[in-house]
Amino acid sequence: MSLENLRQVKILAFDVFGTVVDWHGSIVGEVRQMQLDVDAADFVRAWRAGYKPAMARVMSGELGWTRIDDLHRIILDDVLAGFNIELDEPARVQLNLAWHRLQPWPDVVSGLHRLNTRFTTCSLSNGNLSLLADMAKNAGLPWDLILSAEVFKAYKPHPDTYLGVANVFDVRPEQVMLVAAHHDDLAAARECGLRTAYIERPAEFGSDQLKDVSPPAGSGNDLHMSDFHALASALEVPE
């Protein structure tokens, strides 16, 4: 991406789960506090593994529009049964709300404050609005605006989510940059004309299951950065 094209970007839209917040480490900590008789890391990965199949049920029409909170609860009940864990209803409700309490990666809050000095920033997550609002309050995320799939009634990677950001801010798609730690998300955004920046989060699935963050051949991302401060530097934002 040329420097001139970079300078056309006005809006930075951020994927949240895995890119902004450490879902695995955060929920592992909560599971351990509950002293469940289970390997917390495996339990949390199993919970997350149900995420895309559950969304597919909505996108296929099998389920009507369903908030991520409600999908998380459906998956949680299945995972608890699979691990032979008994929890009463109040405990299930409390555990499901762990997704509202996820902690940011160390570079995120200061990095977002820095990026906010030059760009308008927003979330672009499949998480529902109440979840994202609670998370922002709890984690100190300084969004200019919280955008969610709930606003567009379509989950990523549906084009309505990416193009919806441009419509909300009344800019061209190429003036929006999606920032994410997931190549499939970025690829879908590129198909809609957005700029893209990949952020390395090798420990997204836990330090015992590091993921490959090297750029795949032909990824086509405009930027590939180690963290939010590296992104800010690439976008010429002063420290």
C-alpha atoms as a PDB file:
ATOM      1  CA  MET A   1       0.000   0.000   0.000  1.00  0.00           C
ATOM      2  CA  SER A   2       1.433   3.364  -0.982  1.00  0.00           C
ATOM      3  CA  LEU A   3       1.856   6.127   1.552  1.00  0.00           C
ATOM      4  CA  GLU A   4      -0.622   8.215  -0.438  1.00  0.00           C
ATOM      5  CA  ASN A   5      -3.267   5.490  -0.153  1.00  0.00           C
ATOM      6  CA  LEU A   6      -2.591   5.161   3.576  1.00  0.00           C
ATOM      7  CA  ARG A   7      -3.270   8.866   3.947  1.00  0.00           C
ATOM      8  CA  GLN A   8      -6.740   8.415   2.455  1.00  0.00           C
ATOM      9  CA  VAL A   9      -7.838   6.229   5.375  1.00  0.00           C
ATOM     10  CA  LYS A  10     -10.109   8.044   7.820  1.00  0.00           C
ATOM     11  CA  ILE A  11     -11.791   5.262   9.795  1.00  0.00           C
ATOM     12  CA  LEU A  12     -10.132   2.378  11.620  1.00  0.00           C
ATOM     13  CA  ALA A  13     -12.584  -0.432  12.334  1.00  0.00           C
ATOM     14  CA  PHE A  14     -11.360  -3.127  14.703  1.00  0.00           C
ATOM     15  CA  ASP A  15     -12.270  -6.759  15.040  1.00  0.00           C
ATOM     16  CA  VAL A  16     -12.525  -7.347  18.780  1.00  0.00           C
ATOM     17  CA  PHE A  17     -12.313 -10.997  19.909  1.00  0.00           C
ATOM     18  CA  GLY A  18      -8.659 -11.988  19.625  1.00  0.00           C
ATOM     19  CA  THR A  19      -7.549  -8.715  18.031  1.00  0.00           C
ATOM     20  CA  VAL A  20      -8.392  -6.256  20.815  1.00  0.00           C
ATOM     21  CA  VAL A  21      -9.060  -8.567  23.756  1.00  0.00           C
ATOM     22  CA  ASP A  22      -7.521 -11.825  24.984  1.00  0.00           C
ATOM     23  CA  TRP A  23     -10.627 -13.992  25.095  1.00  0.00           C
ATOM     24  CA  HIS A  24      -8.745 -17.199  25.864  1.00  0.00           C
ATOM     25  CA  GLY A  25      -6.631 -15.951  28.754  1.00  0.00           C
ATOM     26  CA  SER A  26      -9.488 -13.931  30.235  1.00  0.00           C
ATOM     27  CA  ILE A  27     -12.019 -16.760  30.299  1.00  0.00           C
ATOM     28  CA  VAL A  28      -9.458 -19.359  31.390  1.00  0.00           C
ATOM     29  CA  GLY A  29      -8.928 -17.199  34.468  1.00  0.00           C
ATOM     30  CA  GLU A  30     -12.654 -17.109  35.218  1.00  0.00           C
ATOM     31  CA  VAL A  31     -13.063 -20.867  34.725  1.00  0.00           C
ATOM     32  CA  ARG A  32     -10.197 -21.500  37.124  1.00  0.00           C
ATOM     33  CA  GLN A  33     -11.732 -19.175  39.712  1.00  0.00           C
ATOM     34  CA  MET A  34     -14.903 -21.248  39.529  1.00  0.00           C
ATOM     35  CA  GLN A  35     -12.786 -24.333  40.284  1.00  0.00           C
ATOM     36  CA  LEU A  36     -14.474 -26.438  37.665  1.00  0.00           C
ATOM     37  CA  ASP A  37     -13.145 -29.976  37.391  1.00  0.00           C
ATOM     38  CA  VAL A  38     -11.874 -29.438  33.852  1.00  0.00           C
ATOM     39  CA  ASP A  39      -8.781 -28.389  31.907  1.00  0.00           C
ATOM     40  CA  ALA A  40      -9.641 -24.713  31.658  1.00  0.00           C
ATOM     41  CA  ALA A  41      -7.655 -24.070  28.472  1.00  0.00           C
ATOM     42  CA  ASP A  42      -9.297 -26.934  26.595  1.00  0.00           C
ATOM     43  CA  PHE A  43     -12.737 -26.035  27.924  1.00  0.00           C
ATOM     44  CA  VAL A  44     -12.452 -22.437  26.710  1.00  0.00           C
ATOM     45  CA  ARG A  45     -11.139 -23.473  23.311  1.00  0.00           C
ATOM     46  CA  ALA A  46     -14.073 -25.870  22.948  1.00  0.00           C
ATOM     47  CA  TRP A  47     -16.475 -23.058  23.832  1.00  0.00           C
ATOM     48  CA  ARG A  48     -14.927 -20.796  21.215  1.00  0.00           C
ATOM     49  CA  ALA A  49     -14.901 -23.586  18.618  1.00  0.00           C
ATOM     50  CA  GLY A  50     -18.689 -23.555  18.628  1.00  0.00           C
ATOM     51  CA  TYR A  51     -18.811 -19.895  17.616  1.00  0.00           C
ATOM     52  CA  LYS A  52     -18.651 -20.159  13.813  1.00  0.00           C
ATOM     53  CA  PRO A  53     -20.966 -23.195  13.552  1.00  0.00           C
ATOM     54  CA  ALA A  54     -23.534 -21.376  15.710  1.00  0.00           C
ATOM     55  CA  MET A  55     -23.366 -18.260  13.517  1.00  0.00           C
ATOM     56  CA  ALA A  56     -23.722 -20.472  10.442  1.00  0.00           C
ATOM     57  CA  ARG A  57     -27.076 -21.698  11.805  1.00  0.00           C
ATOM     58  CA  VAL A  58     -28.265 -18.080  11.878  1.00  0.00           C
ATOM     59  CA  MET A  59     -26.871 -17.181   8.459  1.00  0.00           C
ATOM     60  CA  SER A  60     -28.431 -20.286   6.902  1.00  0.00           C
ATOM     61  CA  GLY A  61     -31.843 -19.374   8.280  1.00  0.00           C
ATOM     62  CA  GLU A  62     -32.040 -22.344  10.653  1.00  0.00           C
ATOM     63  CA  LEU A  63     -32.161 -19.833  13.506  1.00  0.00           C
ATOM     64  CA  GLY A  64     -33.576 -16.328  13.356  1.00  0.00           C
ATOM     65  CA  TRP A  65     -31.367 -13.351  14.173  1.00  0.00           C
ATOM     66  CA  THR A  66     -29.654 -14.238  17.461  1.00  0.00           C
ATOM     67  CA  ARG A  67     -27.361 -12.119  19.614  1.00  0.00           C
ATOM     68  CA  ILE A  68     -23.908 -13.495  20.312  1.00  0.00           C
ATOM     69  CA  ASP A  69     -24.718 -13.572  24.046  1.00  0.00           C
ATOM     70  CA  ASP A  70     -27.492 -16.031  23.278  1.00  0.00           C
ATOM     71  CA  LEU A  71     -25.324 -18.081  20.914  1.00  0.00           C
ATOM     72  CA  HIS A  72     -22.589 -18.198  23.555  1.00  0.00           C
ATOM     73  CA  ARG A  73     -25.137 -19.579  26.025  1.00  0.00           C
ATOM     74  CA  ILE A  74     -26.320 -22.274  23.601  1.00  0.00           C
ATOM     75  CA  ILE A  75     -22.709 -23.320  23.009  1.00  0.00           C
ATOM     76  CA  LEU A  76     -21.888 -23.183  26.732  1.00  0.00           C
ATOM     77  CA  ASP A  77     -24.712 -25.567  27.607  1.00  0.00           C
ATOM     78  CA  ASP A  78     -23.452 -28.016  24.966  1.00  0.00           C
ATOM     79  CA  VAL A  79     -19.837 -27.752  26.122  1.00  0.00           C
ATOM     80  CA  LEU A  80     -20.745 -28.235  29.786  1.00  0.00           C
ATOM     81  CA  ALA A  81     -22.615 -31.406  28.815  1.00  0.00           C
ATOM     82  CA  GLY A  82     -19.677 -32.568  26.725  1.00  0.00           C
ATOM     83  CA  PHE A  83     -17.292 -32.123  29.651  1.00  0.00           C
ATOM     84  CA  ASN A  84     -19.789 -33.647  32.124  1.00  0.00           C
ATOM     85  CA  ILE A  85     -19.860 -30.458  34.201  1.00  0.00           C
ATOM     86  CA  GLU A  86     -22.943 -29.625  36.283  1.00  0.00           C
ATOM     87  CA  LEU A  87     -23.670 -25.927  36.867  1.00  0.00           C
ATOM     88  CA  ASP A  88     -26.820 -24.345  38.223  1.00  0.00           C
ATOM     89  CA  GLU A  89     -28.567 -21.585  36.293  1.00  0.00           C
ATOM     90  CA  PRO A  90     -27.047 -18.596  38.182  1.00  0.00           C
ATOM     91  CA  ALA A  91     -23.542 -19.993  37.633  1.00  0.00           C
ATOM     92  CA  ARG A  92     -24.221 -20.510  33.927  1.00  0.00           C
ATOM     93  CA  VAL A  93     -25.463 -16.939  33.573  1.00  0.00           C
ATOM     94  CA  GLN A  94     -22.410 -15.588  35.378  1.00  0.00           C
ATOM     95  CA  LEU A  95     -19.982 -17.663  33.310  1.00  0.00           C
ATOM     96  CA  ASN A  96     -21.655 -16.650  30.052  1.00  0.00           C
ATOM     97  CA  LEU A  97     -21.161 -13.004  31.006  1.00  0.00           C
ATOM     98  CA  ALA A  98     -17.400 -13.615  31.106  1.00  0.00           C
ATOM     99  CA  TRP A  99     -17.373 -12.489  27.465  1.00  0.00           C
ATOM    100  CA  HIS A 100     -18.380  -9.025  28.717  1.00  0.00           C
ATOM    101  CA  ARG A 101     -15.318  -8.905  30.979  1.00  0.00           C
ATOM    102  CA  LEU A 102     -12.524  -9.781  28.543  1.00  0.00           C
ATOM    103  CA  GLN A 103      -9.195  -8.063  29.114  1.00  0.00           C
ATOM    104  CA  PRO A 104      -7.299  -6.182  26.383  1.00  0.00           C
ATOM    105  CA  TRP A 105      -3.876  -7.134  25.093  1.00  0.00           C
ATOM    106  CA  PRO A 106      -1.149  -4.963  26.712  1.00  0.00           C
ATOM    107  CA  ASP A 107      -0.666  -2.648  23.704  1.00  0.00           C
ATOM    108  CA  VAL A 108      -4.344  -1.991  23.036  1.00  0.00           C
ATOM    109  CA  VAL A 109      -5.541   0.814  25.309  1.00  0.00           C
ATOM    110  CA  SER A 110      -2.494   3.040  24.863  1.00  0.00           C
ATOM    111  CA  GLY A 111      -2.380   2.151  21.165  1.00  0.00           C
ATOM    112  CA  LEU A 112      -6.020   3.122  20.646  1.00  0.00           C
ATOM    113  CA  HIS A 113      -5.518   6.425  22.459  1.00  0.00           C
ATOM    114  CA  ARG A 114      -2.603   7.133  20.129  1.00  0.00           C
ATOM    115  CA  LEU A 115      -4.548   6.164  16.994  1.00  0.00           C
ATOM    116  CA  ASN A 116      -7.500   8.286  18.127  1.00  0.00           C
ATOM    117  CA  THR A 117      -5.380  11.405  17.742  1.00  0.00           C
ATOM    118  CA  ARG A 118      -5.523  11.022  13.953  1.00  0.00           C
ATOM    119  CA  PHE A 119      -8.298   8.560  13.091  1.00  0.00           C
ATOM    120  CA  THR A 120     -11.884   7.827  14.046  1.00  0.00           C
ATOM    121  CA  THR A 121     -11.950   4.385  15.653  1.00  0.00           C
ATOM    122  CA  CYS A 122     -14.781   1.923  16.086  1.00  0.00           C
ATOM    123  CA  SER A 123     -15.358  -1.693  16.897  1.00  0.00           C
ATOM    124  CA  LEU A 124     -16.637  -3.992  14.156  1.00  0.00           C
ATOM    125  CA  SER A 125     -17.494  -7.169  15.994  1.00  0.00           C
ATOM    126  CA  ASN A 126     -20.055  -9.912  15.833  1.00  0.00           C
ATOM    127  CA  GLY A 127     -20.520  -9.342  19.563  1.00  0.00           C
ATOM    128  CA  ASN A 128     -23.818  -7.693  20.487  1.00  0.00           C
ATOM    129  CA  LEU A 129     -23.994  -4.054  21.541  1.00  0.00           C
ATOM    130  CA  SER A 130     -24.495  -4.616  25.264  1.00  0.00           C
ATOM    131  CA  LEU A 131     -21.560  -7.037  25.330  1.00  0.00           C
ATOM    132  CA  LEU A 132     -19.286  -4.561  23.535  1.00  0.00           C
ATOM    133  CA  ALA A 133     -20.391  -1.654  25.729  1.00  0.00           C
ATOM    134  CA  ASP A 134     -19.718  -3.601  28.929  1.00  0.00           C
ATOM    135  CA  MET A 135     -16.366  -4.741  27.565  1.00  0.00           C
ATOM    136  CA  ALA A 136     -15.349  -1.198  26.613  1.00  0.00           C
ATOM    137  CA  LYS A 137     -16.284   0.126  30.046  1.00  0.00           C
ATOM    138  CA  ASN A 138     -14.531  -2.714  31.856  1.00  0.00           C
ATOM    139  CA  ALA A 139     -11.370  -2.711  29.727  1.00  0.00           C
ATOM    140  CA  GLY A 140     -11.106   1.051  29.173  1.00  0.00           C
ATOM    141  CA  LEU A 141     -11.408   0.833  25.384  1.00  0.00           C
ATOM    142  CA  PRO A 142     -11.657   4.400  24.031  1.00  0.00           C
ATOM    143  CA  TRP A 143     -13.853   3.791  20.978  1.00  0.00           C
ATOM    144  CA  ASP A 144     -15.284   6.771  19.128  1.00  0.00           C
ATOM    145  CA  LEU A 145     -18.219   4.530  18.237  1.00  0.00           C
ATOM    146  CA  ILE A 146     -19.278   0.964  19.002  1.00  0.00           C
ATOM    147  CA  LEU A 147     -20.463  -0.867  15.895  1.00  0.00           C
ATOM    148  CA  SER A 148     -21.698  -4.425  15.985  1.00  0.00           C
ATOM    149  CA  ALA A 149     -23.156  -7.001  13.642  1.00  0.00           C
ATOM    150  CA  GLU A 150     -26.324  -6.330  15.642  1.00  0.00           C
ATOM    151  CA  VAL A 151     -26.554  -2.895  13.992  1.00  0.00           C
ATOM    152  CA  PHE A 152     -26.547  -4.436  10.514  1.00  0.00           C
ATOM    153  CA  LYS A 153     -28.380  -7.678  11.414  1.00  0.00           C
ATOM    154  CA  ALA A 154     -25.628  -9.581   9.628  1.00  0.00           C
ATOM    155  CA  TYR A 155     -22.577 -11.346  10.978  1.00  0.00           C
ATOM    156  CA  LYS A 156     -19.140 -10.907   9.485  1.00  0.00           C
ATOM    157  CA  PRO A 157     -18.136 -11.914   6.834  1.00  0.00           C
ATOM    158  CA  HIS A 158     -21.379 -10.662   5.272  1.00  0.00           C
ATOM    159  CA  PRO A 159     -20.629  -7.592   3.118  1.00  0.00           C
ATOM    160  CA  ASP A 160     -23.291  -5.555   4.935  1.00  0.00           C
ATOM    161  CA  THR A 161     -21.046  -5.379   8.004  1.00  0.00           C
ATOM    162  CA  TYR A 162     -17.973  -3.968   6.232  1.00  0.00           C
ATOM    163  CA  LEU A 163     -19.864  -1.669   3.894  1.00  0.00           C
ATOM    164  CA  GLY A 164     -22.046  -0.664   6.822  1.00  0.00           C
ATOM    165  CA  VAL A 165     -19.065   1.043   8.450  1.00  0.00           C
ATOM    166  CA  ALA A 166     -18.520   3.182   5.356  1.00  0.00           C
ATOM    167  CA  ASN A 167     -22.236   4.009   5.249  1.00  0.00           C
ATOM    168  CA  VAL A 168     -22.365   4.974   8.929  1.00  0.00           C
ATOM    169  CA  PHE A 169     -19.470   7.411   8.529  1.00  0.00           C
ATOM    170  CA  ASP A 170     -20.456   8.512   4.993  1.00  0.00           C
ATOM    171  CA  VAL A 171     -17.064   7.658   3.498  1.00  0.00           C
ATOM    172  CA  ARG A 172     -15.895   5.481   0.621  1.00  0.00           C
ATOM    173  CA  PRO A 173     -14.999   1.856   1.451  1.00  0.00           C
ATOM    174  CA  GLU A 174     -11.307   2.514   0.723  1.00  0.00           C
ATOM    175  CA  GLN A 175     -11.334   5.196   3.419  1.00  0.00           C
ATOM    176  CA  VAL A 176     -12.049   2.483   6.014  1.00  0.00           C
ATOM    177  CA  MET A 177      -9.333   0.132   7.268  1.00  0.00           C
ATOM    178  CA  LEU A 178     -10.271  -3.095   9.023  1.00  0.00           C
ATOM    179  CA  VAL A 179      -7.765  -4.068  11.699  1.00  0.00           C
ATOM    180  CA  ALA A 180      -7.919  -7.739  12.632  1.00  0.00           C
ATOM    181  CA  ALA A 181      -5.930 -10.779  13.702  1.00  0.00           C
ATOM    182  CA  HIS A 182      -7.822 -13.103  11.345  1.00  0.00           C
ATOM    183  CA  HIS A 183      -7.064 -13.491   7.654  1.00  0.00           C
ATOM    184  CA  ASP A 184     -10.568 -14.637   6.700  1.00  0.00           C
ATOM    185  CA  ASP A 185     -12.081 -11.476   8.204  1.00  0.00           C
ATOM    186  CA  LEU A 186      -9.564  -9.309   6.384  1.00  0.00           C
ATOM    187  CA  ALA A 187     -10.069 -11.107   3.076  1.00  0.00           C
ATOM    188  CA  ALA A 188     -13.823 -10.496   3.238  1.00  0.00           C
ATOM    189  CA  ALA A 189     -13.212  -6.808   4.000  1.00  0.00           C
ATOM    190  CA  ARG A 190     -10.821  -6.481   1.055  1.00  0.00           C
ATOM    191  CA  GLU A 191     -13.477  -7.923  -1.256  1.00  0.00           C
ATOM    192  CA  CYS A 192     -15.695  -5.034  -0.183  1.00  0.00           C
ATOM    193  CA  GLY A 193     -13.011  -2.476  -1.010  1.00  0.00           C
ATOM    194  CA  LEU A 194     -11.733  -1.794   2.525  1.00  0.00           C
ATOM    195  CA  ARG A 195      -8.075  -1.391   3.404  1.00  0.00           C
ATOM    196  CA  THR A 196      -6.763  -4.040   5.773  1.00  0.00           C
ATOM    197  CA  ALA A 197      -4.170  -4.397   8.523  1.00  0.00           C
ATOM    198  CA  TYR A 198      -3.238  -7.718  10.094  1.00  0.00           C
ATOM    199  CA  ILE A 199      -2.217  -7.686  13.776  1.00  0.00           C
ATOM    200  CA  GLU A 200      -0.165 -10.553  15.168  1.00  0.00           C
ATOM    201  CA  ARG A 201      -1.733 -12.273  18.186  1.00  0.00           C
ATOM    202  CA  PRO A 202       0.203 -15.542  18.417  1.00  0.00           C
ATOM    203  CA  ALA A 203      -1.248 -16.451  21.831  1.00  0.00           C
ATOM    204  CA  GLU A 204      -4.895 -15.939  20.868  1.00  0.00           C
ATOM    205  CA  PHE A 205      -5.647 -19.617  21.590  1.00  0.00           C
ATOM    206  CA  GLY A 206      -3.313 -19.786  24.587  1.00  0.00           C
ATOM    207  CA  SER A 207       0.434 -19.878  25.145  1.00  0.00           C
ATOM    208  CA  ASP A 208       0.302 -23.669  24.843  1.00  0.00           C
ATOM    209  CA  GLN A 209      -1.225 -23.480  21.364  1.00  0.00           C
ATOM    210  CA  LEU A 210       0.534 -20.648  19.540  1.00  0.00           C
ATOM    211  CA  LYS A 211      -0.765 -19.839  16.095  1.00  0.00           C
ATOM    212  CA  ASP A 212       1.296 -19.072  13.011  1.00  0.00           C
ATOM    213  CA  VAL A 213       1.213 -15.312  12.421  1.00  0.00           C
ATOM    214  CA  SER A 214       3.535 -15.216   9.428  1.00  0.00           C
ATOM    215  CA  PRO A 215       1.995 -13.612   6.343  1.00  0.00           C
ATOM    216  CA  PRO A 216       0.488 -16.278   4.082  1.00  0.00           C
ATOM    217  CA  ALA A 217       1.367 -16.181   0.405  1.00  0.00           C
ATOM    218  CA  GLY A 218      -0.880 -13.768  -1.446  1.00  0.00           C
ATOM    219  CA  SER A 219      -2.645 -12.495   1.670  1.00  0.00           C
ATOM    220  CA  GLY A 220      -2.998  -9.070   0.082  1.00  0.00           C
ATOM    221  CA  ASN A 221      -3.185  -7.155   3.358  1.00  0.00           C
ATOM    222  CA  ASP A 222      -2.064  -3.555   3.147  1.00  0.00           C
ATOM    223  CA  LEU A 223      -0.211  -3.794   6.462  1.00  0.00           C
ATOM    224  CA  HIS A 224       1.106  -6.605   8.678  1.00  0.00           C
ATOM    225  CA  MET A 225       1.928  -5.321  12.156  1.00  0.00           C
ATOM    226  CA  SER A 226       3.094  -6.759  15.472  1.00  0.00           C
ATOM    227  CA  ASP A 227       0.767  -4.615  17.604  1.00  0.00           C
ATOM    228  CA  PHE A 228      -1.251  -1.393  17.749  1.00  0.00           C
ATOM    229  CA  HIS A 229       1.759   0.857  18.316  1.00  0.00           C
ATOM    230  CA  ALA A 230       3.481  -0.600  15.254  1.00  0.00           C
ATOM    231  CA  LEU A 231       0.265   0.120  13.352  1.00  0.00           C
ATOM    232  CA  ALA A 232       0.250   3.708  14.612  1.00  0.00           C
ATOM    233  CA  SER A 233       3.837   4.201  13.492  1.00  0.00           C
ATOM    234  CA  ALA A 234       3.083   2.795  10.045  1.00  0.00           C
ATOM    235  CA  LEU A 235       0.161   5.237   9.798  1.00  0.00           C
ATOM    236  CA  GLU A 236       2.435   8.130  10.801  1.00  0.00           C
ATOM    237  CA  VAL A 237       0.778   8.783  14.145  1.00  0.00           C
ATOM    238  CA  PRO A 238       3.200  10.498  16.554  1.00  0.00           C
ATOM    239  CA  GLU A 239       3.974   8.831  19.874  1.00  0.00           C
END
